[in-house]
C-alpha atoms as a PDB file:
ATOM      1  CA  MET A   1      11.137  35.893  39.492  1.00  0.00           C
ATOM      2  CA  ARG A   2      10.106  35.071  36.077  1.00  0.00           C
ATOM      3  CA  THR A   3      12.826  34.820  33.298  1.00  0.00           C
ATOM      4  CA  LYS A   4      11.270  37.938  31.437  1.00  0.00           C
ATOM      5  CA  THR A   5      12.141  40.109  34.499  1.00  0.00           C
ATOM      6  CA  LYS A   6      15.701  38.589  34.924  1.00  0.00           C
ATOM      7  CA  GLY A   7      16.327  39.433  31.369  1.00  0.00           C
ATOM      8  CA  TYR A   8      15.094  43.128  31.854  1.00  0.00           C
ATOM      9  CA  LEU A   9      17.262  43.458  34.903  1.00  0.00           C
ATOM     10  CA  ALA A  10      20.132  41.718  33.201  1.00  0.00           C
ATOM     11  CA  LEU A  11      19.608  44.481  30.180  1.00  0.00           C
ATOM     12  CA  ALA A  12      19.691  47.205  33.079  1.00  0.00           C
ATOM     13  CA  THR A  13      22.915  46.139  34.456  1.00  0.00           C
ATOM     14  CA  ALA A  14      24.542  45.714  30.897  1.00  0.00           C
ATOM     15  CA  GLY A  15      23.271  49.470  30.341  1.00  0.00           C
ATOM     16  CA  ILE A  16      25.143  50.504  33.690  1.00  0.00           C
ATOM     17  CA  LEU A  17      28.115  48.602  32.842  1.00  0.00           C
ATOM     18  CA  ALA A  18      28.310  50.386  29.334  1.00  0.00           C
ATOM     19  CA  LEU A  19      27.888  53.848  31.053  1.00  0.00           C
ATOM     20  CA  LEU A  20      30.540  53.040  33.609  1.00  0.00           C
ATOM     21  CA  ILE A  21      33.030  51.829  30.706  1.00  0.00           C
ATOM     22  CA  ALA A  22      32.180  55.089  29.106  1.00  0.00           C
ATOM     23  CA  ILE A  23      32.796  57.505  32.111  1.00  0.00           C
ATOM     24  CA  VAL A  24      35.862  55.637  33.332  1.00  0.00           C
ATOM     25  CA  CYS A  25      37.648  55.242  30.027  1.00  0.00           C
ATOM     26  CA  GLY A  26      36.384  58.392  28.416  1.00  0.00           C
ATOM     27  CA  GLY A  27      40.159  59.362  27.760  1.00  0.00           C
ATOM     28  CA  GLU A  28      41.248  56.308  25.815  1.00  0.00           C
ATOM     29  CA  LEU A  29      38.178  56.019  23.780  1.00  0.00           C
ATOM     30  CA  SER A  30      37.509  58.112  20.824  1.00  0.00           C
ATOM     31  CA  ARG A  31      34.551  60.769  21.122  1.00  0.00           C
ATOM     32  CA  LYS A  32      32.360  58.355  18.834  1.00  0.00           C
ATOM     33  CA  ALA A  33      32.687  55.339  20.707  1.00  0.00           C
ATOM     34  CA  GLN A  34      32.172  57.151  24.084  1.00  0.00           C
ATOM     35  CA  GLY A  35      29.100  58.436  22.486  1.00  0.00           C
ATOM     36  CA  ILE A  36      27.624  55.168  21.555  1.00  0.00           C
ATOM     37  CA  LEU A  37      28.477  53.636  24.842  1.00  0.00           C
ATOM     38  CA  LEU A  38      26.825  56.454  26.646  1.00  0.00           C
ATOM     39  CA  GLY A  39      23.727  56.309  24.321  1.00  0.00           C
ATOM     40  CA  LEU A  40      23.246  52.544  24.479  1.00  0.00           C
ATOM     41  CA  GLY A  41      24.267  52.267  27.988  1.00  0.00           C
ATOM     42  CA  SER A  42      21.529  55.094  29.012  1.00  0.00           C
ATOM     43  CA  MET A  43      18.902  53.203  26.883  1.00  0.00           C
ATOM     44  CA  GLY A  44      19.626  49.961  28.283  1.00  0.00           C
ATOM     45  CA  ALA A  45      19.532  50.924  31.504  1.00  0.00           C
ATOM     46  CA  ALA A  46      16.310  52.994  31.446  1.00  0.00           C
ATOM     47  CA  VAL A  47      14.525  50.246  29.257  1.00  0.00           C
ATOM     48  CA  GLY A  48      15.563  47.699  31.409  1.00  0.00           C
ATOM     49  CA  PHE A  49      14.611  49.094  34.816  1.00  0.00           C
ATOM     50  CA  ALA A  50      11.450  50.373  33.513  1.00  0.00           C
ATOM     51  CA  ARG A  51      10.347  46.968  32.030  1.00  0.00           C
ATOM     52  CA  PHE A  52      11.776  45.221  35.114  1.00  0.00           C
ATOM     53  CA  PHE A  53       9.647  47.197  37.504  1.00  0.00           C
ATOM     54  CA  CYS A  54       6.402  46.703  35.263  1.00  0.00           C
ATOM     55  CA  GLY A  55       7.005  43.074  35.547  1.00  0.00           C
ATOM     56  CA  ARG A  56       7.250  42.944  38.971  1.00  0.00           C
ATOM     57  CA  TYR A  57       4.158  45.097  39.398  1.00  0.00           C
ATOM     58  CA  GLU A  58       2.381  42.659  37.264  1.00  0.00           C
ATOM     59  CA  GLU A  59       3.924  39.778  39.394  1.00  0.00           C
ATOM     60  CA  ARG A  60       2.512  41.361  42.614  1.00  0.00           C
ATOM     61  CA  HIS A  61      -0.911  42.295  41.399  1.00  0.00           C
ATOM     62  CA  PRO A  62      -2.159  39.462  39.096  1.00  0.00           C
ATOM     63  CA  ASP A  63      -5.811  40.853  39.205  1.00  0.00           C
ATOM     64  CA  GLN A  64      -4.542  43.919  37.494  1.00  0.00           C
ATOM     65  CA  ARG A  65      -2.655  42.071  35.034  1.00  0.00           C
ATOM     66  CA  ARG A  66      -5.722  39.864  34.058  1.00  0.00           C
ATOM     67  CA  LYS A  67      -7.935  42.835  33.544  1.00  0.00           C
ATOM     68  CA  ALA A  68      -5.278  44.497  31.381  1.00  0.00           C
ATOM     69  CA  GLU A  69      -5.007  41.540  29.167  1.00  0.00           C
ATOM     70  CA  ILE A  70      -8.683  41.119  28.925  1.00  0.00           C
ATOM     71  CA  GLU A  71      -8.899  44.907  27.889  1.00  0.00           C
ATOM     72  CA  ASN A  72      -6.058  44.174  25.119  1.00  0.00           C
ATOM     73  CA  ARG A  73      -7.931  41.178  23.792  1.00  0.00           C
ATOM     74  CA  ASP A  74     -11.425  42.880  23.564  1.00  0.00           C
ATOM     75  CA  GLU A  75     -12.410  43.148  20.034  1.00  0.00           C
ATOM     76  CA  ARG A  76     -14.175  46.556  20.405  1.00  0.00           C
ATOM     77  CA  ASN A  77     -10.791  48.124  22.110  1.00  0.00           C
ATOM     78  CA  ARG A  78      -8.700  46.510  19.344  1.00  0.00           C
ATOM     79  CA  ASP A  79     -10.945  48.217  16.760  1.00  0.00           C
ATOM     80  CA  ILE A  80     -10.693  51.685  18.542  1.00  0.00           C
ATOM     81  CA  ARG A  81      -6.963  51.229  18.732  1.00  0.00           C
ATOM     82  CA  SER A  82      -6.687  50.564  15.058  1.00  0.00           C
ATOM     83  CA  ARG A  83      -8.948  53.275  14.127  1.00  0.00           C
ATOM     84  CA  SER A  84      -6.886  55.866  16.302  1.00  0.00           C
ATOM     85  CA  GLN A  85      -3.574  54.599  14.889  1.00  0.00           C
ATOM     86  CA  ALA A  86      -4.824  54.893  11.305  1.00  0.00           C
ATOM     87  CA  ALA A  87      -6.107  58.660  12.190  1.00  0.00           C
ATOM     88  CA  ALA A  88      -2.575  59.407  13.584  1.00  0.00           C
ATOM     89  CA  GLY A  89      -0.932  57.924  10.798  1.00  0.00           C
ATOM     90  CA  GLN A  90      -2.714  60.072   8.300  1.00  0.00           C
ATOM     91  CA  ALA A  91      -2.177  63.372  10.242  1.00  0.00           C
ATOM     92  CA  LEU A  92       1.295  62.357  10.291  1.00  0.00           C
ATOM     93  CA  GLN A  93       1.576  61.916   6.702  1.00  0.00           C
ATOM     94  CA  TRP A  94      -0.137  65.255   6.121  1.00  0.00           C
ATOM     95  CA  ALA A  95       2.283  67.006   8.468  1.00  0.00           C
ATOM     96  CA  VAL A  96       5.228  65.272   6.569  1.00  0.00           C
ATOM     97  CA  ILE A  97       3.744  66.587   3.192  1.00  0.00           C
ATOM     98  CA  ALA A  98       3.247  70.005   4.849  1.00  0.00           C
ATOM     99  CA  LEU A  99       6.751  70.067   5.816  1.00  0.00           C
ATOM    100  CA  ALA A 100       7.676  69.615   2.015  1.00  0.00           C
ATOM    101  CA  TRP A 101       5.446  72.346   1.042  1.00  0.00           C
ATOM    102  CA  VAL A 102       7.137  74.854   3.552  1.00  0.00           C
ATOM    103  CA  ASN A 103      10.562  73.707   2.282  1.00  0.00           C
ATOM    104  CA  ILE A 104       9.623  74.332  -1.304  1.00  0.00           C
ATOM    105  CA  LEU A 105       8.382  77.895  -0.175  1.00  0.00           C
ATOM    106  CA  ARG A 106      11.537  78.728   1.553  1.00  0.00           C
ATOM    107  CA  ASP A 107      13.472  77.441  -1.425  1.00  0.00           C
ATOM    108  CA  GLY A 108      15.044  74.658   1.036  1.00  0.00           C
ATOM    109  CA  ALA A 109      17.410  71.794  -0.079  1.00  0.00           C
ATOM    110  CA  LEU A 110      15.767  69.573  -2.657  1.00  0.00           C
ATOM    111  CA  TRP A 111      16.621  66.334  -0.894  1.00  0.00           C
ATOM    112  CA  ILE A 112      14.524  67.439   2.014  1.00  0.00           C
ATOM    113  CA  THR A 113      11.436  67.900  -0.194  1.00  0.00           C
ATOM    114  CA  LEU A 114      12.115  64.553  -2.091  1.00  0.00           C
ATOM    115  CA  SER A 115      12.414  62.943   1.071  1.00  0.00           C
ATOM    116  CA  ALA A 116       9.264  64.464   2.537  1.00  0.00           C
ATOM    117  CA  VAL A 117       7.407  63.359  -0.759  1.00  0.00           C
ATOM    118  CA  GLY A 118       8.866  59.969  -0.846  1.00  0.00           C
ATOM    119  CA  ILE A 119       7.878  59.239   2.793  1.00  0.00           C
ATOM    120  CA  PHE A 120       4.427  60.420   1.963  1.00  0.00           C
ATOM    121  CA  CYS A 121       4.270  58.272  -0.922  1.00  0.00           C
ATOM    122  CA  GLY A 122       5.948  55.218   0.439  1.00  0.00           C
ATOM    123  CA  ASP A 123       3.859  55.112   3.610  1.00  0.00           C
ATOM    124  CA  ARG A 124       0.493  55.845   1.924  1.00  0.00           C
ATOM    125  CA  LYS A 125      -0.332  52.004   1.209  1.00  0.00           C
ATOM    126  CA  SER A 126      -0.264  51.169   5.149  1.00  0.00           C
ATOM    127  CA  VAL A 127      -2.776  53.725   6.090  1.00  0.00           C
ATOM    128  CA  VAL A 128      -5.349  53.155   3.388  1.00  0.00           C
END
């Protein structure tokens, strides 16, 4: 077993331990601490198990892993992915500015409008 998969298995185990601590010691912990432990534990367990099983699949099927690596390194696929990410980023930016307009029309809180406009202007450089 590779070190990578061992690390993910350790992450899953730590997540389960955090969940157990949150459940068993629920009365002695504050609600915030219990919520943090539940959130971190469930995230750690889910990510750890998912990555562990993906790593095990790659170990058992090396031909599939090689095909995936070749596809990831292919320049045409990289170009297509970057173009689709740019298009998705632009769509997301315009959705944020539409949210700002809806908030203005509904006489919403000023901080929401200013935050949306700030996100739109701040992230503008990375997409263009």
